[in-house]
């Protein structure tokens, strides 16, 4: 029975991923979201109702978060508790940023982070360390990945003052 629930969850997540990709890439609403995300002033100049686009995007995001929460509760723990989320929101933000908001690349980065997390847990258990050490190890690795990504994207340039 539990295998059927996991299979249904995976199929539902893949379907939602493809639907969101098509929606964001090929629909008028997706184009409006991209324009508003780049520059609100440009969107206003193009006669896009910025507040309507933001509200629609917030409702859509809330609905997707609700579906993700439902899948997390129904597929994994079968109950709601304090630890149901388990820090997944912060991990999702890291995955999105590393994937540069590409829907399909997010799947690859999420698999990478799961692999990294499981490896850190294995290292902690092999050397008889606390479980928090595995979380710290994962956090340190992700911190350095994000830091290097930041410095690759935004180069620091020092300007020299001209002598008068």
N, C-alpha and C. Protein backbone atom coordinates (compact mmCIF):
# COMPACT_ATOMS: atom_id res chain seq x y z
N UNK A 1 0.81 -1.20 0.00
CA UNK A 1 0.00 0.00 0.00
C UNK A 1 0.86 1.27 0.00
N UNK A 2 1.93 1.25 0.85
CA UNK A 2 2.75 2.45 0.93
C UNK A 2 3.53 2.69 -0.36
N UNK A 3 3.89 1.63 -1.06
CA UNK A 3 4.57 1.78 -2.34
C UNK A 3 3.69 2.46 -3.38
N UNK A 4 2.39 2.19 -3.33
CA UNK A 4 1.46 2.83 -4.26
C UNK A 4 1.36 4.31 -3.97
N UNK A 5 1.39 4.68 -2.67
CA UNK A 5 1.31 6.10 -2.32
C UNK A 5 2.55 6.83 -2.81
N UNK A 6 3.73 6.23 -2.63
CA UNK A 6 4.95 6.87 -3.10
C UNK A 6 4.96 7.00 -4.61
N UNK A 7 4.50 5.98 -5.31
CA UNK A 7 4.44 6.04 -6.77
C UNK A 7 3.47 7.12 -7.22
N UNK A 8 2.33 7.21 -6.58
CA UNK A 8 1.36 8.24 -6.91
C UNK A 8 1.94 9.63 -6.63
N UNK A 9 2.66 9.78 -5.52
CA UNK A 9 3.28 11.07 -5.20
C UNK A 9 4.32 11.46 -6.25
N UNK A 10 5.14 10.53 -6.68
CA UNK A 10 6.16 10.82 -7.68
C UNK A 10 5.50 11.21 -9.00
N UNK A 11 4.47 10.49 -9.40
CA UNK A 11 3.77 10.82 -10.64
C UNK A 11 3.13 12.20 -10.55
N UNK A 12 2.54 12.50 -9.40
CA UNK A 12 1.91 13.81 -9.21
C UNK A 12 2.94 14.93 -9.23
N UNK A 13 4.08 14.72 -8.60
CA UNK A 13 5.13 15.74 -8.59
C UNK A 13 5.69 15.96 -9.99
N UNK A 14 5.93 14.89 -10.72
CA UNK A 14 6.43 15.04 -12.09
C UNK A 14 5.41 15.74 -12.99
N UNK A 15 4.13 15.42 -12.81
CA UNK A 15 3.08 16.08 -13.59
C UNK A 15 3.03 17.57 -13.26
N UNK A 16 3.09 17.90 -11.97
CA UNK A 16 3.08 19.32 -11.58
C UNK A 16 4.32 20.05 -12.10
N UNK A 17 5.46 19.36 -12.10
CA UNK A 17 6.68 19.98 -12.60
C UNK A 17 6.56 20.32 -14.08
N UNK A 18 6.07 19.39 -14.86
CA UNK A 18 5.91 19.64 -16.30
C UNK A 18 4.86 20.73 -16.53
N UNK A 19 3.77 20.69 -15.80
CA UNK A 19 2.72 21.71 -15.95
C UNK A 19 3.24 23.10 -15.61
N UNK A 20 4.01 23.20 -14.53
CA UNK A 20 4.55 24.51 -14.14
C UNK A 20 5.58 24.99 -15.16
N UNK A 21 6.37 24.08 -15.69
CA UNK A 21 7.33 24.46 -16.72
C UNK A 21 6.63 25.03 -17.94
N UNK A 22 5.59 24.34 -18.40
CA UNK A 22 4.84 24.81 -19.57
C UNK A 22 4.14 26.13 -19.25
N UNK A 23 3.56 26.22 -18.06
CA UNK A 23 2.86 27.45 -17.66
C UNK A 23 3.81 28.64 -17.62
N UNK A 24 4.97 28.46 -17.00
CA UNK A 24 5.90 29.58 -16.87
C UNK A 24 6.61 29.91 -18.17
N UNK A 25 6.83 28.94 -19.01
CA UNK A 25 7.61 29.17 -20.22
C UNK A 25 6.77 29.59 -21.41
N UNK A 26 5.53 29.07 -21.53
CA UNK A 26 4.79 29.24 -22.77
C UNK A 26 3.44 29.96 -22.63
N UNK A 27 3.06 30.39 -21.44
CA UNK A 27 1.78 31.08 -21.31
C UNK A 27 1.99 32.58 -21.14
N UNK A 28 0.93 33.31 -21.37
CA UNK A 28 0.97 34.76 -21.20
C UNK A 28 1.23 35.12 -19.74
N UNK A 29 0.61 34.37 -18.84
CA UNK A 29 0.81 34.63 -17.41
C UNK A 29 2.26 34.39 -17.01
N UNK A 30 2.87 33.35 -17.54
CA UNK A 30 4.28 33.08 -17.26
C UNK A 30 5.18 34.19 -17.77
N UNK A 31 4.85 34.71 -18.94
CA UNK A 31 5.61 35.83 -19.49
C UNK A 31 5.46 37.06 -18.60
N UNK A 32 4.25 37.31 -18.13
CA UNK A 32 4.02 38.46 -17.25
C UNK A 32 4.80 38.30 -15.95
N UNK A 33 4.85 37.10 -15.40
CA UNK A 33 5.62 36.86 -14.18
C UNK A 33 7.09 37.14 -14.43
N UNK A 34 7.61 36.71 -15.58
CA UNK A 34 9.02 36.95 -15.91
C UNK A 34 9.31 38.43 -16.06
N UNK A 35 8.40 39.17 -16.70
CA UNK A 35 8.62 40.61 -16.90
C UNK A 35 8.57 41.35 -15.57
N UNK A 36 7.59 41.03 -14.74
CA UNK A 36 7.49 41.68 -13.43
C UNK A 36 8.69 41.32 -12.57
N UNK A 37 9.18 40.09 -12.68
CA UNK A 37 10.35 39.68 -11.91
C UNK A 37 11.61 40.41 -12.33
N UNK A 38 11.72 40.74 -13.59
CA UNK A 38 12.89 41.47 -14.06
C UNK A 38 12.83 42.94 -13.68
N UNK A 39 11.69 43.58 -13.92
CA UNK A 39 11.57 45.01 -13.64
C UNK A 39 10.09 45.40 -13.57
N UNK A 40 9.71 45.89 -12.42
CA UNK A 40 8.32 46.32 -12.27
C UNK A 40 8.02 47.53 -13.14
N UNK A 41 8.98 48.42 -13.28
CA UNK A 41 8.76 49.60 -14.11
C UNK A 41 8.56 49.23 -15.58
N UNK A 42 9.33 48.27 -16.06
CA UNK A 42 9.16 47.80 -17.43
C UNK A 42 7.79 47.16 -17.61
N UNK A 43 7.36 46.41 -16.60
CA UNK A 43 6.04 45.77 -16.68
C UNK A 43 4.94 46.82 -16.72
N UNK A 44 5.07 47.84 -15.91
CA UNK A 44 4.06 48.92 -15.94
C UNK A 44 4.05 49.62 -17.30
N UNK A 45 5.25 49.84 -17.86
CA UNK A 45 5.36 50.47 -19.17
C UNK A 45 4.71 49.61 -20.25
N UNK A 46 4.77 48.29 -20.08
CA UNK A 46 4.17 47.36 -21.04
C UNK A 46 2.70 47.11 -20.74
N UNK A 47 2.10 47.91 -19.86
CA UNK A 47 0.68 47.85 -19.50
C UNK A 47 0.31 46.54 -18.83
N UNK A 48 1.23 46.01 -18.01
CA UNK A 48 0.94 44.81 -17.22
C UNK A 48 0.52 45.27 -15.84
N UNK A 49 -0.58 44.76 -15.35
CA UNK A 49 -1.06 45.09 -14.02
C UNK A 49 -0.19 44.34 -13.00
N UNK A 50 0.79 45.03 -12.42
CA UNK A 50 1.79 44.41 -11.56
C UNK A 50 1.16 43.80 -10.31
N UNK A 51 0.24 44.52 -9.70
CA UNK A 51 -0.37 43.99 -8.47
C UNK A 51 -1.19 42.73 -8.75
N UNK A 52 -1.86 42.68 -9.89
CA UNK A 52 -2.63 41.49 -10.24
C UNK A 52 -1.70 40.30 -10.49
N UNK A 53 -0.59 40.55 -11.18
CA UNK A 53 0.37 39.47 -11.44
C UNK A 53 0.96 38.96 -10.13
N UNK A 54 1.27 39.87 -9.21
CA UNK A 54 1.83 39.45 -7.92
C UNK A 54 0.81 38.65 -7.11
N UNK A 55 -0.43 39.09 -7.10
CA UNK A 55 -1.45 38.36 -6.34
C UNK A 55 -1.70 36.98 -6.95
N UNK A 56 -1.78 36.92 -8.27
CA UNK A 56 -1.99 35.64 -8.94
C UNK A 56 -0.82 34.69 -8.66
N UNK A 57 0.39 35.23 -8.68
CA UNK A 57 1.58 34.42 -8.41
C UNK A 57 1.60 33.93 -6.97
N UNK A 58 1.19 34.79 -6.04
CA UNK A 58 1.13 34.39 -4.63
C UNK A 58 0.09 33.29 -4.42
N UNK A 59 -1.07 33.41 -5.03
CA UNK A 59 -2.10 32.37 -4.90
C UNK A 59 -1.61 31.05 -5.49
N UNK A 60 -0.98 31.12 -6.66
CA UNK A 60 -0.46 29.91 -7.29
C UNK A 60 0.64 29.27 -6.43
N UNK A 61 1.53 30.09 -5.89
CA UNK A 61 2.59 29.58 -5.02
C UNK A 61 2.02 28.96 -3.76
N UNK A 62 1.01 29.60 -3.18
CA UNK A 62 0.36 29.04 -2.00
C UNK A 62 -0.30 27.71 -2.28
N UNK A 63 -0.94 27.61 -3.45
CA UNK A 63 -1.58 26.34 -3.82
C UNK A 63 -0.54 25.24 -4.00
N UNK A 64 0.57 25.57 -4.65
CA UNK A 64 1.62 24.57 -4.83
C UNK A 64 2.25 24.16 -3.50
N UNK A 65 2.43 25.12 -2.60
CA UNK A 65 2.96 24.79 -1.27
C UNK A 65 1.98 23.91 -0.50
N UNK A 66 0.70 24.17 -0.65
CA UNK A 66 -0.30 23.33 -0.01
C UNK A 66 -0.28 21.91 -0.55
N UNK A 67 -0.13 21.77 -1.85
CA UNK A 67 -0.04 20.43 -2.45
C UNK A 67 1.23 19.73 -1.98
N UNK A 68 2.35 20.47 -1.93
CA UNK A 68 3.60 19.88 -1.46
C UNK A 68 3.49 19.45 0.01
N UNK A 69 2.84 20.26 0.83
CA UNK A 69 2.63 19.88 2.22
C UNK A 69 1.75 18.66 2.36
N UNK A 70 0.71 18.61 1.55
CA UNK A 70 -0.17 17.44 1.56
C UNK A 70 0.59 16.18 1.16
N UNK A 71 1.42 16.28 0.13
CA UNK A 71 2.19 15.13 -0.29
C UNK A 71 3.22 14.71 0.76
N UNK A 72 3.81 15.69 1.45
CA UNK A 72 4.79 15.36 2.49
C UNK A 72 4.12 14.64 3.65
N UNK A 73 2.94 15.08 4.02
CA UNK A 73 2.25 14.46 5.14
C UNK A 73 1.66 13.11 4.74
N UNK A 74 1.04 13.05 3.56
CA UNK A 74 0.39 11.80 3.17
C UNK A 74 1.38 10.73 2.73
N UNK A 75 2.51 11.14 2.19
CA UNK A 75 3.43 10.15 1.67
C UNK A 75 4.50 9.70 2.63
N UNK A 76 4.91 10.55 3.54
CA UNK A 76 6.05 10.20 4.39
C UNK A 76 5.64 9.86 5.80
N UNK A 77 5.08 10.82 6.52
CA UNK A 77 4.87 10.60 7.94
C UNK A 77 3.44 10.20 8.28
N UNK A 78 2.50 10.42 7.40
CA UNK A 78 1.09 10.09 7.59
C UNK A 78 0.47 10.81 8.79
N UNK A 79 1.11 11.82 9.29
CA UNK A 79 0.57 12.62 10.39
C UNK A 79 1.23 13.99 10.38
N UNK A 80 0.58 14.96 10.97
CA UNK A 80 1.13 16.30 11.07
C UNK A 80 1.79 16.44 12.43
N UNK A 81 3.03 16.90 12.43
CA UNK A 81 3.74 17.13 13.69
C UNK A 81 4.61 18.36 13.54
N UNK A 82 5.33 18.69 14.58
CA UNK A 82 6.19 19.87 14.55
C UNK A 82 7.32 19.68 13.55
N UNK A 83 7.78 18.47 13.37
CA UNK A 83 8.92 18.21 12.49
C UNK A 83 8.50 17.77 11.09
N UNK A 84 7.27 18.01 10.69
CA UNK A 84 6.81 17.58 9.37
C UNK A 84 7.60 18.26 8.26
N UNK A 85 7.82 19.57 8.37
CA UNK A 85 8.54 20.30 7.33
C UNK A 85 10.02 19.93 7.33
N UNK A 86 10.62 19.83 8.49
CA UNK A 86 12.01 19.39 8.58
C UNK A 86 13.01 20.26 7.87
N UNK A 87 12.77 21.56 7.75
CA UNK A 87 13.71 22.46 7.09
C UNK A 87 13.68 22.38 5.58
N UNK A 88 12.65 21.80 5.03
CA UNK A 88 12.59 21.64 3.57
C UNK A 88 12.44 22.96 2.84
N UNK A 89 11.88 23.95 3.50
CA UNK A 89 11.74 25.25 2.85
C UNK A 89 13.06 25.90 2.53
N UNK A 90 13.99 25.85 3.50
CA UNK A 90 15.31 26.41 3.27
C UNK A 90 16.07 25.61 2.21
N UNK A 91 15.91 24.31 2.25
CA UNK A 91 16.55 23.47 1.23
C UNK A 91 15.98 23.77 -0.15
N UNK A 92 14.68 24.01 -0.22
CA UNK A 92 14.06 24.33 -1.51
C UNK A 92 14.58 25.64 -2.07
N UNK A 93 14.82 26.61 -1.21
CA UNK A 93 15.37 27.89 -1.67
C UNK A 93 16.77 27.68 -2.23
N UNK A 94 17.58 26.88 -1.57
CA UNK A 94 18.93 26.60 -2.05
C UNK A 94 18.88 25.87 -3.39
N UNK A 95 17.99 24.90 -3.51
CA UNK A 95 17.85 24.16 -4.77
C UNK A 95 17.44 25.10 -5.90
N UNK A 96 16.49 25.97 -5.64
CA UNK A 96 16.03 26.90 -6.68
C UNK A 96 17.14 27.84 -7.12
N UNK A 97 17.91 28.32 -6.16
CA UNK A 97 18.96 29.26 -6.52
C UNK A 97 20.08 28.57 -7.28
N UNK A 98 20.46 27.39 -6.86
CA UNK A 98 21.51 26.67 -7.57
C UNK A 98 21.08 26.29 -8.98
N UNK A 99 19.80 25.97 -9.16
CA UNK A 99 19.29 25.59 -10.47
C UNK A 99 18.96 26.80 -11.34
N UNK A 100 19.14 27.99 -10.79
CA UNK A 100 18.82 29.23 -11.51
C UNK A 100 17.38 29.22 -12.01
N UNK A 101 16.48 28.67 -11.17
CA UNK A 101 15.04 28.64 -11.38
C UNK A 101 14.62 27.85 -12.61
N UNK A 102 15.47 26.94 -13.07
CA UNK A 102 15.11 26.04 -14.15
C UNK A 102 14.42 24.83 -13.53
N UNK A 103 13.21 24.56 -13.97
CA UNK A 103 12.37 23.55 -13.33
C UNK A 103 12.99 22.16 -13.35
N UNK A 104 13.52 21.75 -14.48
CA UNK A 104 14.05 20.39 -14.59
C UNK A 104 15.42 20.26 -13.92
N UNK A 105 16.19 21.32 -13.92
CA UNK A 105 17.48 21.28 -13.24
C UNK A 105 17.28 21.20 -11.72
N UNK A 106 16.14 21.73 -11.24
CA UNK A 106 15.84 21.63 -9.82
C UNK A 106 15.73 20.18 -9.37
N UNK A 107 15.21 19.33 -10.23
CA UNK A 107 15.11 17.91 -9.89
C UNK A 107 16.51 17.33 -9.70
N UNK A 108 17.44 17.68 -10.58
CA UNK A 108 18.80 17.17 -10.46
C UNK A 108 19.48 17.68 -9.19
N UNK A 109 19.31 18.97 -8.90
CA UNK A 109 19.94 19.52 -7.69
C UNK A 109 19.30 18.96 -6.42
N UNK A 110 18.00 18.67 -6.46
CA UNK A 110 17.39 18.08 -5.27
C UNK A 110 17.92 16.67 -5.05
N UNK A 111 18.14 15.91 -6.12
CA UNK A 111 18.74 14.60 -5.99
C UNK A 111 20.17 14.70 -5.46
N UNK A 112 20.91 15.72 -5.91
CA UNK A 112 22.26 15.94 -5.42
C UNK A 112 22.27 16.24 -3.93
N UNK A 113 21.34 17.05 -3.48
CA UNK A 113 21.29 17.40 -2.06
C UNK A 113 20.86 16.20 -1.22
N UNK A 114 19.94 15.39 -1.72
CA UNK A 114 19.56 14.17 -1.00
C UNK A 114 20.76 13.23 -0.90
N UNK A 115 21.50 13.09 -1.99
CA UNK A 115 22.70 12.26 -1.99
C UNK A 115 23.73 12.80 -1.00
N UNK A 116 23.90 14.11 -0.97
CA UNK A 116 24.83 14.75 -0.04
C UNK A 116 24.39 14.53 1.41
N UNK A 117 23.12 14.68 1.67
CA UNK A 117 22.60 14.50 3.02
C UNK A 117 22.75 13.06 3.50
N UNK A 118 22.42 12.11 2.64
CA UNK A 118 22.56 10.70 3.02
C UNK A 118 24.02 10.33 3.22
N UNK A 119 24.90 10.90 2.41
CA UNK A 119 26.34 10.64 2.59
C UNK A 119 26.86 11.21 3.89
N UNK A 120 26.39 12.40 4.26
CA UNK A 120 26.81 13.00 5.52
C UNK A 120 26.29 12.20 6.71
N UNK A 121 25.08 11.67 6.61
CA UNK A 121 24.55 10.82 7.68
C UNK A 121 25.38 9.53 7.79
N UNK A 122 25.77 8.97 6.66
CA UNK A 122 26.60 7.76 6.68
C UNK A 122 27.97 8.03 7.31
N UNK A 123 28.57 9.17 7.00
CA UNK A 123 29.86 9.54 7.60
C UNK A 123 29.71 9.69 9.10
N UNK A 124 28.63 10.36 9.54
CA UNK A 124 28.42 10.56 10.97
C UNK A 124 28.20 9.23 11.69
N UNK A 125 27.46 8.32 11.08
CA UNK A 125 27.21 7.04 11.75
C UNK A 125 28.45 6.15 11.72
N UNK A 126 29.23 6.22 10.68
CA UNK A 126 30.43 5.39 10.59
C UNK A 126 31.47 5.78 11.64
N UNK A 127 31.58 7.06 11.93
CA UNK A 127 32.56 7.52 12.91
C UNK A 127 31.93 7.80 14.28
N UNK A 128 30.74 7.26 14.52
CA UNK A 128 30.03 7.38 15.80
C UNK A 128 29.87 8.84 16.25
N UNK A 129 29.46 9.68 15.33
CA UNK A 129 29.23 11.09 15.62
C UNK A 129 27.73 11.33 15.80
N UNK A 130 27.41 12.47 16.36
CA UNK A 130 26.02 12.87 16.56
C UNK A 130 25.35 13.13 15.22
N UNK A 131 24.02 13.01 15.15
CA UNK A 131 23.30 13.30 13.91
C UNK A 131 23.42 14.77 13.52
N UNK A 132 23.63 15.64 14.48
CA UNK A 132 23.76 17.06 14.16
C UNK A 132 25.03 17.33 13.37
N UNK A 133 26.03 16.48 13.52
CA UNK A 133 27.27 16.65 12.76
C UNK A 133 26.99 16.47 11.27
N UNK A 134 26.12 15.55 10.93
CA UNK A 134 25.79 15.36 9.52
C UNK A 134 25.08 16.59 8.95
N UNK A 135 24.21 17.18 9.75
CA UNK A 135 23.54 18.42 9.31
C UNK A 135 24.54 19.56 9.17
N UNK A 136 25.47 19.63 10.10
CA UNK A 136 26.51 20.67 10.02
C UNK A 136 27.39 20.46 8.80
N UNK A 137 27.76 19.23 8.52
CA UNK A 137 28.59 18.93 7.35
C UNK A 137 27.87 19.30 6.06
N UNK A 138 26.60 18.94 5.96
CA UNK A 138 25.81 19.30 4.78
C UNK A 138 25.70 20.82 4.66
N UNK A 139 25.46 21.49 5.79
CA UNK A 139 25.36 22.95 5.77
C UNK A 139 26.65 23.62 5.34
N UNK A 140 27.77 23.13 5.82
CA UNK A 140 29.06 23.71 5.44
C UNK A 140 29.32 23.54 3.95
N UNK A 141 29.04 22.35 3.43
CA UNK A 141 29.25 22.11 2.00
C UNK A 141 28.33 23.01 1.16
N UNK A 142 27.06 23.11 1.55
CA UNK A 142 26.14 23.97 0.80
C UNK A 142 26.53 25.44 0.92
N UNK A 143 27.01 25.84 2.09
CA UNK A 143 27.45 27.22 2.27
C UNK A 143 28.59 27.56 1.31
N UNK A 144 29.56 26.66 1.18
CA UNK A 144 30.66 26.93 0.27
C UNK A 144 30.24 26.85 -1.19
N UNK A 145 29.30 25.98 -1.52
CA UNK A 145 28.79 25.94 -2.90
C UNK A 145 28.08 27.25 -3.23
N UNK A 146 27.22 27.71 -2.32
CA UNK A 146 26.51 28.97 -2.56
C UNK A 146 27.46 30.16 -2.59
N UNK A 147 28.45 30.14 -1.71
CA UNK A 147 29.43 31.23 -1.70
C UNK A 147 30.22 31.29 -2.98
N UNK A 148 30.67 30.15 -3.48
CA UNK A 148 31.41 30.15 -4.74
C UNK A 148 30.51 30.55 -5.91
N UNK A 149 29.26 30.11 -5.88
CA UNK A 149 28.31 30.51 -6.91
C UNK A 149 28.08 32.02 -6.89
N UNK A 150 28.01 32.59 -5.70
CA UNK A 150 27.82 34.04 -5.57
C UNK A 150 29.01 34.79 -6.16
N UNK A 151 30.23 34.34 -5.84
CA UNK A 151 31.40 35.06 -6.32
C UNK A 151 31.68 34.80 -7.80
N UNK A 152 31.16 33.71 -8.34
CA UNK A 152 31.26 33.50 -9.78
C UNK A 152 30.29 34.44 -10.51
N UNK A 153 29.09 34.58 -9.96
CA UNK A 153 28.07 35.41 -10.59
C UNK A 153 28.38 36.90 -10.45
N UNK A 154 28.81 37.32 -9.27
CA UNK A 154 29.05 38.73 -8.99
C UNK A 154 30.52 38.93 -8.68
N UNK A 155 31.24 39.42 -9.66
CA UNK A 155 32.67 39.63 -9.48
C UNK A 155 32.91 40.96 -8.77
N UNK A 156 33.86 40.95 -7.85
CA UNK A 156 34.21 42.17 -7.12
C UNK A 156 35.26 42.91 -7.93
N UNK A 157 34.98 44.15 -8.23
CA UNK A 157 35.93 44.98 -8.98
C UNK A 157 36.26 46.20 -8.14
N UNK A 158 37.53 46.49 -8.03
CA UNK A 158 37.99 47.63 -7.26
C UNK A 158 38.27 48.76 -8.23
N UNK A 159 37.66 49.89 -7.97
CA UNK A 159 37.88 51.07 -8.81
C UNK A 159 38.97 51.92 -8.18
N UNK A 160 39.86 52.37 -9.01
CA UNK A 160 40.92 53.25 -8.52
C UNK A 160 40.57 54.68 -8.86
N UNK A 161 40.82 55.52 -7.93
CA UNK A 161 40.54 56.94 -8.15
C UNK A 161 41.60 57.54 -9.03
N UNK A 162 41.16 58.41 -9.91
CA UNK A 162 42.11 59.07 -10.80
C UNK A 162 42.80 60.20 -10.06
N UNK A 163 44.08 60.34 -10.29
CA UNK A 163 44.83 61.43 -9.64
C UNK A 163 44.52 62.73 -10.35
N UNK A 164 44.26 63.74 -9.56
CA UNK A 164 43.90 65.06 -10.12
C UNK A 164 45.09 65.93 -10.24
